[in-house]
């Protein structure tokens, strides 16, 4: 939820101002629908989804 980005420690980059917020949901949904419609692989591989889920559960367990 930002429209302004400040960078520190990156030579040549100070700020970036955005006119609108783009969180990528529309592009993600479009890629998913296109993959189904055109018979392409999923935009996010299943193995990556499983890995992220397991990592999330590991973090929850570590914090408990």
N, C-alpha and C. Protein backbone atom coordinates (compact mmCIF):
# COMPACT_ATOMS: atom_id res chain seq x y z
N UNK A 1 0.83 -1.18 0.00
CA UNK A 1 0.00 0.00 0.00
C UNK A 1 0.88 1.25 0.00
N UNK A 2 1.57 1.43 -1.06
CA UNK A 2 2.44 2.60 -1.13
C UNK A 2 2.36 3.23 -2.51
N UNK A 3 2.66 4.49 -2.57
CA UNK A 3 2.76 5.20 -3.84
C UNK A 3 4.11 5.86 -4.00
N UNK A 4 4.91 5.82 -2.97
CA UNK A 4 6.24 6.41 -3.01
C UNK A 4 7.23 5.40 -2.46
N UNK A 5 8.35 5.25 -3.14
CA UNK A 5 9.36 4.29 -2.74
C UNK A 5 10.68 5.02 -2.56
N UNK A 6 11.32 4.80 -1.44
CA UNK A 6 12.64 5.37 -1.19
C UNK A 6 13.65 4.24 -1.07
N UNK A 7 14.78 4.42 -1.70
CA UNK A 7 15.82 3.39 -1.65
C UNK A 7 17.05 3.91 -0.94
N UNK A 8 17.63 3.08 -0.14
CA UNK A 8 18.84 3.42 0.59
C UNK A 8 19.90 2.37 0.29
N UNK A 9 21.10 2.82 0.00
CA UNK A 9 22.19 1.90 -0.25
C UNK A 9 22.26 1.39 -1.69
N UNK A 10 21.44 1.94 -2.57
CA UNK A 10 21.49 1.57 -3.98
C UNK A 10 22.01 2.77 -4.75
N UNK A 11 23.21 2.71 -5.27
CA UNK A 11 23.77 3.84 -6.01
C UNK A 11 22.88 4.24 -7.19
N UNK A 12 22.60 5.52 -7.29
CA UNK A 12 21.81 6.05 -8.39
C UNK A 12 20.31 5.98 -8.19
N UNK A 13 19.84 5.39 -7.09
CA UNK A 13 18.41 5.31 -6.84
C UNK A 13 18.09 6.02 -5.54
N UNK A 14 17.16 6.97 -5.60
CA UNK A 14 16.75 7.65 -4.38
C UNK A 14 15.26 7.45 -4.12
N UNK A 15 14.41 7.90 -5.05
CA UNK A 15 12.97 7.75 -4.86
C UNK A 15 12.28 7.38 -6.16
N UNK A 16 11.09 6.81 -6.03
CA UNK A 16 10.23 6.52 -7.17
C UNK A 16 8.81 6.84 -6.74
N UNK A 17 8.15 7.71 -7.49
CA UNK A 17 6.77 8.05 -7.20
C UNK A 17 5.85 7.35 -8.19
N UNK A 18 4.82 6.70 -7.69
CA UNK A 18 3.88 5.97 -8.53
C UNK A 18 2.55 6.70 -8.54
N UNK A 19 1.90 6.74 -9.68
CA UNK A 19 0.62 7.43 -9.79
C UNK A 19 -0.53 6.60 -9.24
N UNK A 20 -0.37 5.29 -9.30
CA UNK A 20 -1.43 4.44 -8.77
C UNK A 20 -0.79 3.18 -8.19
N UNK A 21 -1.55 2.50 -7.38
CA UNK A 21 -1.07 1.27 -6.77
C UNK A 21 -1.37 0.10 -7.71
N UNK A 22 -0.38 -0.71 -7.97
CA UNK A 22 -0.59 -1.92 -8.77
C UNK A 22 -0.03 -3.08 -7.98
N UNK A 23 -0.91 -3.85 -7.38
CA UNK A 23 -0.48 -4.97 -6.55
C UNK A 23 -0.35 -6.25 -7.35
N UNK A 24 -0.70 -6.22 -8.62
CA UNK A 24 -0.50 -7.35 -9.50
C UNK A 24 -1.61 -8.37 -9.54
N UNK A 25 -2.73 -8.13 -8.85
CA UNK A 25 -3.80 -9.12 -8.84
C UNK A 25 -4.39 -9.34 -10.23
N UNK A 26 -4.61 -8.28 -10.99
CA UNK A 26 -5.20 -8.42 -12.32
C UNK A 26 -4.30 -9.23 -13.24
N UNK A 27 -3.00 -8.94 -13.22
CA UNK A 27 -2.06 -9.69 -14.05
C UNK A 27 -1.97 -11.14 -13.62
N UNK A 28 -2.02 -11.39 -12.33
CA UNK A 28 -1.98 -12.76 -11.80
C UNK A 28 -3.21 -13.54 -12.24
N UNK A 29 -4.38 -12.97 -12.09
CA UNK A 29 -5.61 -13.64 -12.50
C UNK A 29 -5.63 -13.88 -14.00
N UNK A 30 -5.17 -12.91 -14.77
CA UNK A 30 -5.12 -13.05 -16.22
C UNK A 30 -4.18 -14.17 -16.64
N UNK A 31 -3.01 -14.25 -16.02
CA UNK A 31 -2.04 -15.31 -16.33
C UNK A 31 -2.62 -16.68 -15.98
N UNK A 32 -3.34 -16.77 -14.88
CA UNK A 32 -3.96 -18.04 -14.46
C UNK A 32 -5.03 -18.48 -15.47
N UNK A 33 -5.90 -17.56 -15.84
CA UNK A 33 -6.97 -17.87 -16.79
C UNK A 33 -6.38 -18.24 -18.15
N UNK A 34 -5.38 -17.49 -18.61
CA UNK A 34 -4.73 -17.81 -19.88
C UNK A 34 -4.09 -19.19 -19.86
N UNK A 35 -3.47 -19.55 -18.75
CA UNK A 35 -2.84 -20.86 -18.64
C UNK A 35 -3.88 -21.97 -18.78
N UNK A 36 -5.03 -21.80 -18.16
CA UNK A 36 -6.09 -22.80 -18.26
C UNK A 36 -6.66 -22.84 -19.68
N UNK A 37 -6.97 -21.67 -20.20
CA UNK A 37 -7.61 -21.60 -21.51
C UNK A 37 -6.70 -22.11 -22.63
N UNK A 38 -5.41 -21.81 -22.55
CA UNK A 38 -4.47 -22.17 -23.62
C UNK A 38 -3.70 -23.45 -23.34
N UNK A 39 -3.98 -24.09 -22.21
CA UNK A 39 -3.31 -25.34 -21.89
C UNK A 39 -1.84 -25.18 -21.54
N UNK A 40 -1.50 -24.05 -21.02
CA UNK A 40 -0.11 -23.77 -20.62
C UNK A 40 0.12 -24.19 -19.17
N UNK A 41 1.40 -24.27 -18.77
CA UNK A 41 1.68 -24.57 -17.36
C UNK A 41 1.17 -23.45 -16.45
N UNK A 42 0.92 -23.79 -15.21
CA UNK A 42 0.47 -22.80 -14.23
C UNK A 42 1.53 -21.71 -14.08
N UNK A 43 1.10 -20.46 -13.90
CA UNK A 43 2.07 -19.36 -13.74
C UNK A 43 2.96 -19.53 -12.51
N UNK A 44 2.43 -20.16 -11.47
CA UNK A 44 3.22 -20.47 -10.28
C UNK A 44 3.25 -21.98 -10.15
N UNK A 45 4.42 -22.59 -10.27
CA UNK A 45 4.49 -24.05 -10.20
C UNK A 45 3.95 -24.59 -8.88
N UNK A 46 3.29 -25.74 -8.94
CA UNK A 46 2.70 -26.36 -7.76
C UNK A 46 3.73 -26.56 -6.66
N UNK A 47 4.94 -26.99 -7.04
CA UNK A 47 5.99 -27.24 -6.05
C UNK A 47 6.33 -25.97 -5.27
N UNK A 48 6.29 -24.84 -5.94
CA UNK A 48 6.57 -23.57 -5.26
C UNK A 48 5.46 -23.22 -4.28
N UNK A 49 4.22 -23.48 -4.65
CA UNK A 49 3.10 -23.24 -3.73
C UNK A 49 3.22 -24.10 -2.48
N UNK A 50 3.59 -25.36 -2.67
CA UNK A 50 3.77 -26.27 -1.53
C UNK A 50 4.91 -25.79 -0.64
N UNK A 51 6.01 -25.37 -1.26
CA UNK A 51 7.17 -24.90 -0.49
C UNK A 51 6.82 -23.67 0.36
N UNK A 52 6.10 -22.74 -0.23
CA UNK A 52 5.71 -21.53 0.49
C UNK A 52 4.77 -21.88 1.65
N UNK A 53 3.83 -22.79 1.40
CA UNK A 53 2.90 -23.20 2.45
C UNK A 53 3.64 -23.87 3.61
N UNK A 54 4.55 -24.78 3.28
CA UNK A 54 5.32 -25.46 4.34
C UNK A 54 6.17 -24.46 5.13
N UNK A 55 6.78 -23.53 4.43
CA UNK A 55 7.59 -22.51 5.11
C UNK A 55 6.73 -21.67 6.04
N UNK A 56 5.53 -21.31 5.59
CA UNK A 56 4.61 -20.53 6.44
C UNK A 56 4.25 -21.30 7.70
N UNK A 57 3.95 -22.59 7.56
CA UNK A 57 3.63 -23.40 8.74
C UNK A 57 4.83 -23.55 9.66
N UNK A 58 6.02 -23.68 9.09
CA UNK A 58 7.24 -23.77 9.91
C UNK A 58 7.44 -22.49 10.72
N UNK A 59 7.15 -21.35 10.12
CA UNK A 59 7.29 -20.07 10.82
C UNK A 59 6.27 -19.99 11.96
N UNK A 60 5.03 -20.38 11.69
CA UNK A 60 4.00 -20.38 12.73
C UNK A 60 4.41 -21.27 13.89
N UNK A 61 4.91 -22.47 13.57
CA UNK A 61 5.36 -23.39 14.63
C UNK A 61 6.52 -22.82 15.42
N UNK A 62 7.44 -22.14 14.75
CA UNK A 62 8.60 -21.57 15.43
C UNK A 62 8.20 -20.42 16.36
N UNK A 63 7.14 -19.71 16.01
CA UNK A 63 6.69 -18.59 16.83
C UNK A 63 5.79 -19.03 17.98
N UNK A 64 5.28 -20.23 17.92
CA UNK A 64 4.35 -20.71 18.95
C UNK A 64 5.07 -21.08 20.22
